[in-house]
Amino acid sequence: MSIDDQRYPVLMATLRRADPAPPEPDRTPAPWEANLQATCECLSWRGTLDTLERRHAEDTLGATTYADFPAHARAAVVTAHALLEQGEISERELETKMNDVRARFQQA
């Protein structure tokens, strides 16, 4: 996995600079986190993105390239980074999907 933070500007553009919140030990995961975990398990099951490889990337990229992202969002960003690295998705496809999701949130 590349640790070049300029490689995927579409991911870096999602970052909203803010002081990172302290960890919440008794926090209940948000629904999107459970959905992300299920998606990652399916990607691993189908041989697209190995779970151990993804977790290693979360450790590496989460501590470096994506350190300024909120801790709970790093898994999503690192997963997108890994899929970009593998050529499973293009930066343009990711940007389009992110814009679609933003539009849905603005309508709600």
C-alpha atoms as a PDB file:
ATOM      1  CA  MET A   1       0.000   0.000   0.000  1.00  0.00           C
ATOM      2  CA  SER A   2       1.203   3.444  -0.852  1.00  0.00           C
ATOM      3  CA  ILE A   3       1.681   5.894   1.975  1.00  0.00           C
ATOM      4  CA  ASP A   4       1.861   8.884  -0.368  1.00  0.00           C
ATOM      5  CA  ASP A   5      -0.770  11.269   0.980  1.00  0.00           C
ATOM      6  CA  GLN A   6      -0.971  13.104  -2.335  1.00  0.00           C
ATOM      7  CA  ARG A   7      -1.849   9.989  -4.306  1.00  0.00           C
ATOM      8  CA  TYR A   8      -5.587  10.111  -3.684  1.00  0.00           C
ATOM      9  CA  PRO A   9      -6.757  13.705  -3.299  1.00  0.00           C
ATOM     10  CA  VAL A  10     -10.386  12.534  -3.378  1.00  0.00           C
ATOM     11  CA  LEU A  11      -9.796  10.863  -0.018  1.00  0.00           C
ATOM     12  CA  MET A  12      -7.812  13.734   1.482  1.00  0.00           C
ATOM     13  CA  ALA A  13     -10.548  16.172   0.411  1.00  0.00           C
ATOM     14  CA  THR A  14     -12.995  14.405   2.736  1.00  0.00           C
ATOM     15  CA  LEU A  15     -10.991  15.465   5.768  1.00  0.00           C
ATOM     16  CA  ARG A  16     -12.487  18.240   7.807  1.00  0.00           C
ATOM     17  CA  ARG A  17      -9.699  19.591   9.973  1.00  0.00           C
ATOM     18  CA  ALA A  18     -10.697  19.363  13.594  1.00  0.00           C
ATOM     19  CA  ASP A  19      -9.194  18.332  16.865  1.00  0.00           C
ATOM     20  CA  PRO A  20      -9.525  14.577  17.138  1.00  0.00           C
ATOM     21  CA  ALA A  21     -12.073  13.498  19.694  1.00  0.00           C
ATOM     22  CA  PRO A  22     -10.835  11.294  22.517  1.00  0.00           C
ATOM     23  CA  PRO A  23     -11.785   7.632  22.273  1.00  0.00           C
ATOM     24  CA  GLU A  24     -15.126   6.686  23.766  1.00  0.00           C
ATOM     25  CA  PRO A  25     -14.684   3.355  25.584  1.00  0.00           C
ATOM     26  CA  ASP A  26     -18.391   2.535  25.994  1.00  0.00           C
ATOM     27  CA  ARG A  27     -19.468   3.833  22.615  1.00  0.00           C
ATOM     28  CA  THR A  28     -22.071   1.983  20.559  1.00  0.00           C
ATOM     29  CA  PRO A  29     -20.978   1.709  16.918  1.00  0.00           C
ATOM     30  CA  ALA A  30     -23.011   3.709  14.413  1.00  0.00           C
ATOM     31  CA  PRO A  31     -25.035   1.762  11.821  1.00  0.00           C
ATOM     32  CA  TRP A  32     -22.612   2.769   9.045  1.00  0.00           C
ATOM     33  CA  GLU A  33     -19.759   1.167  11.017  1.00  0.00           C
ATOM     34  CA  ALA A  34     -21.582  -2.158  11.195  1.00  0.00           C
ATOM     35  CA  ASN A  35     -22.355  -1.908   7.471  1.00  0.00           C
ATOM     36  CA  LEU A  36     -18.698  -1.146   6.730  1.00  0.00           C
ATOM     37  CA  GLN A  37     -17.594  -4.162   8.763  1.00  0.00           C
ATOM     38  CA  ALA A  38     -20.038  -6.401   6.876  1.00  0.00           C
ATOM     39  CA  THR A  39     -18.848  -4.990   3.538  1.00  0.00           C
ATOM     40  CA  CYS A  40     -15.219  -5.608   4.498  1.00  0.00           C
ATOM     41  CA  GLU A  41     -16.035  -9.183   5.522  1.00  0.00           C
ATOM     42  CA  CYS A  42     -17.694  -9.753   2.135  1.00  0.00           C
ATOM     43  CA  LEU A  43     -14.682  -8.256   0.326  1.00  0.00           C
ATOM     44  CA  SER A  44     -12.439 -10.643   2.238  1.00  0.00           C
ATOM     45  CA  TRP A  45     -14.703 -13.642   1.661  1.00  0.00           C
ATOM     46  CA  ARG A  46     -14.691 -12.959  -2.086  1.00  0.00           C
ATOM     47  CA  GLY A  47     -10.908 -12.532  -2.134  1.00  0.00           C
ATOM     48  CA  THR A  48     -10.923  -8.830  -3.018  1.00  0.00           C
ATOM     49  CA  LEU A  49      -9.466  -7.388   0.180  1.00  0.00           C
ATOM     50  CA  ASP A  50      -8.009  -9.701   2.807  1.00  0.00           C
ATOM     51  CA  THR A  51      -9.085  -8.828   6.346  1.00  0.00           C
ATOM     52  CA  LEU A  52      -5.569  -9.052   7.795  1.00  0.00           C
ATOM     53  CA  GLU A  53      -4.164  -6.948   4.955  1.00  0.00           C
ATOM     54  CA  ARG A  54      -6.869  -4.333   5.547  1.00  0.00           C
ATOM     55  CA  ARG A  55      -6.236  -4.248   9.293  1.00  0.00           C
ATOM     56  CA  HIS A  56      -2.507  -3.895   8.719  1.00  0.00           C
ATOM     57  CA  ALA A  57      -3.219  -1.006   6.337  1.00  0.00           C
ATOM     58  CA  GLU A  58      -5.489   0.577   8.960  1.00  0.00           C
ATOM     59  CA  ASP A  59      -2.608   0.439  11.448  1.00  0.00           C
ATOM     60  CA  THR A  60      -0.068   1.823   8.976  1.00  0.00           C
ATOM     61  CA  LEU A  61      -2.137   4.392   7.110  1.00  0.00           C
ATOM     62  CA  GLY A  62      -4.229   5.319  10.140  1.00  0.00           C
ATOM     63  CA  ALA A  63      -1.093   6.276  12.045  1.00  0.00           C
ATOM     64  CA  THR A  64       0.442   8.217   9.150  1.00  0.00           C
ATOM     65  CA  THR A  65      -1.439   9.336   6.053  1.00  0.00           C
ATOM     66  CA  TYR A  66      -4.898   9.399   7.638  1.00  0.00           C
ATOM     67  CA  ALA A  67      -3.902  10.262  11.220  1.00  0.00           C
ATOM     68  CA  ASP A  68      -5.909  13.500  11.100  1.00  0.00           C
ATOM     69  CA  PHE A  69      -9.128  11.677  10.256  1.00  0.00           C
ATOM     70  CA  PRO A  70     -11.499  10.819  13.109  1.00  0.00           C
ATOM     71  CA  ALA A  71     -10.575   7.388  14.470  1.00  0.00           C
ATOM     72  CA  HIS A  72     -13.925   5.823  13.577  1.00  0.00           C
ATOM     73  CA  ALA A  73     -13.736   7.051   9.968  1.00  0.00           C
ATOM     74  CA  ARG A  74     -10.240   5.716   9.276  1.00  0.00           C
ATOM     75  CA  ALA A  75     -11.455   2.209   8.475  1.00  0.00           C
ATOM     76  CA  ALA A  76     -13.656   3.553   5.671  1.00  0.00           C
ATOM     77  CA  VAL A  77     -10.917   5.763   4.256  1.00  0.00           C
ATOM     78  CA  VAL A  78      -8.286   3.028   4.434  1.00  0.00           C
ATOM     79  CA  THR A  79     -10.658   0.543   2.776  1.00  0.00           C
ATOM     80  CA  ALA A  80     -11.260   3.000  -0.064  1.00  0.00           C
ATOM     81  CA  HIS A  81      -7.494   3.581  -0.316  1.00  0.00           C
ATOM     82  CA  ALA A  82      -6.849  -0.178  -0.536  1.00  0.00           C
ATOM     83  CA  LEU A  83      -9.506  -0.655  -3.231  1.00  0.00           C
ATOM     84  CA  LEU A  84      -7.994   2.232  -5.209  1.00  0.00           C
ATOM     85  CA  GLU A  85      -4.515   0.717  -4.844  1.00  0.00           C
ATOM     86  CA  GLN A  86      -5.782  -2.639  -6.137  1.00  0.00           C
ATOM     87  CA  GLY A  87      -7.558  -1.032  -9.068  1.00  0.00           C
ATOM     88  CA  GLU A  88     -10.929  -2.364  -7.897  1.00  0.00           C
ATOM     89  CA  ILE A  89     -12.360   1.163  -8.110  1.00  0.00           C
ATOM     90  CA  SER A  90     -11.145   4.320  -9.807  1.00  0.00           C
ATOM     91  CA  GLU A  91     -10.738   7.665  -8.129  1.00  0.00           C
ATOM     92  CA  ARG A  92     -13.445   9.030 -10.432  1.00  0.00           C
ATOM     93  CA  GLU A  93     -15.868   6.239  -9.447  1.00  0.00           C
ATOM     94  CA  LEU A  94     -15.195   6.917  -5.779  1.00  0.00           C
ATOM     95  CA  GLU A  95     -15.656  10.654  -6.206  1.00  0.00           C
ATOM     96  CA  THR A  96     -18.957  10.140  -8.032  1.00  0.00           C
ATOM     97  CA  LYS A  97     -20.270   7.810  -5.320  1.00  0.00           C
ATOM     98  CA  MET A  98     -19.153  10.205  -2.565  1.00  0.00           C
ATOM     99  CA  ASN A  99     -20.965  13.060  -4.297  1.00  0.00           C
ATOM    100  CA  ASP A 100     -24.110  10.908  -4.575  1.00  0.00           C
ATOM    101  CA  VAL A 101     -23.998  10.159  -0.845  1.00  0.00           C
ATOM    102  CA  ARG A 102     -23.424  13.833   0.024  1.00  0.00           C
ATOM    103  CA  ALA A 103     -26.432  14.788  -2.100  1.00  0.00           C
ATOM    104  CA  ARG A 104     -28.625  12.243  -0.271  1.00  0.00           C
ATOM    105  CA  PHE A 105     -27.536  13.634   3.096  1.00  0.00           C
ATOM    106  CA  GLN A 106     -28.291  17.186   2.009  1.00  0.00           C
ATOM    107  CA  GLN A 107     -31.810  16.179   0.988  1.00  0.00           C
ATOM    108  CA  ALA A 108     -32.516  14.532   4.347  1.00  0.00           C
END
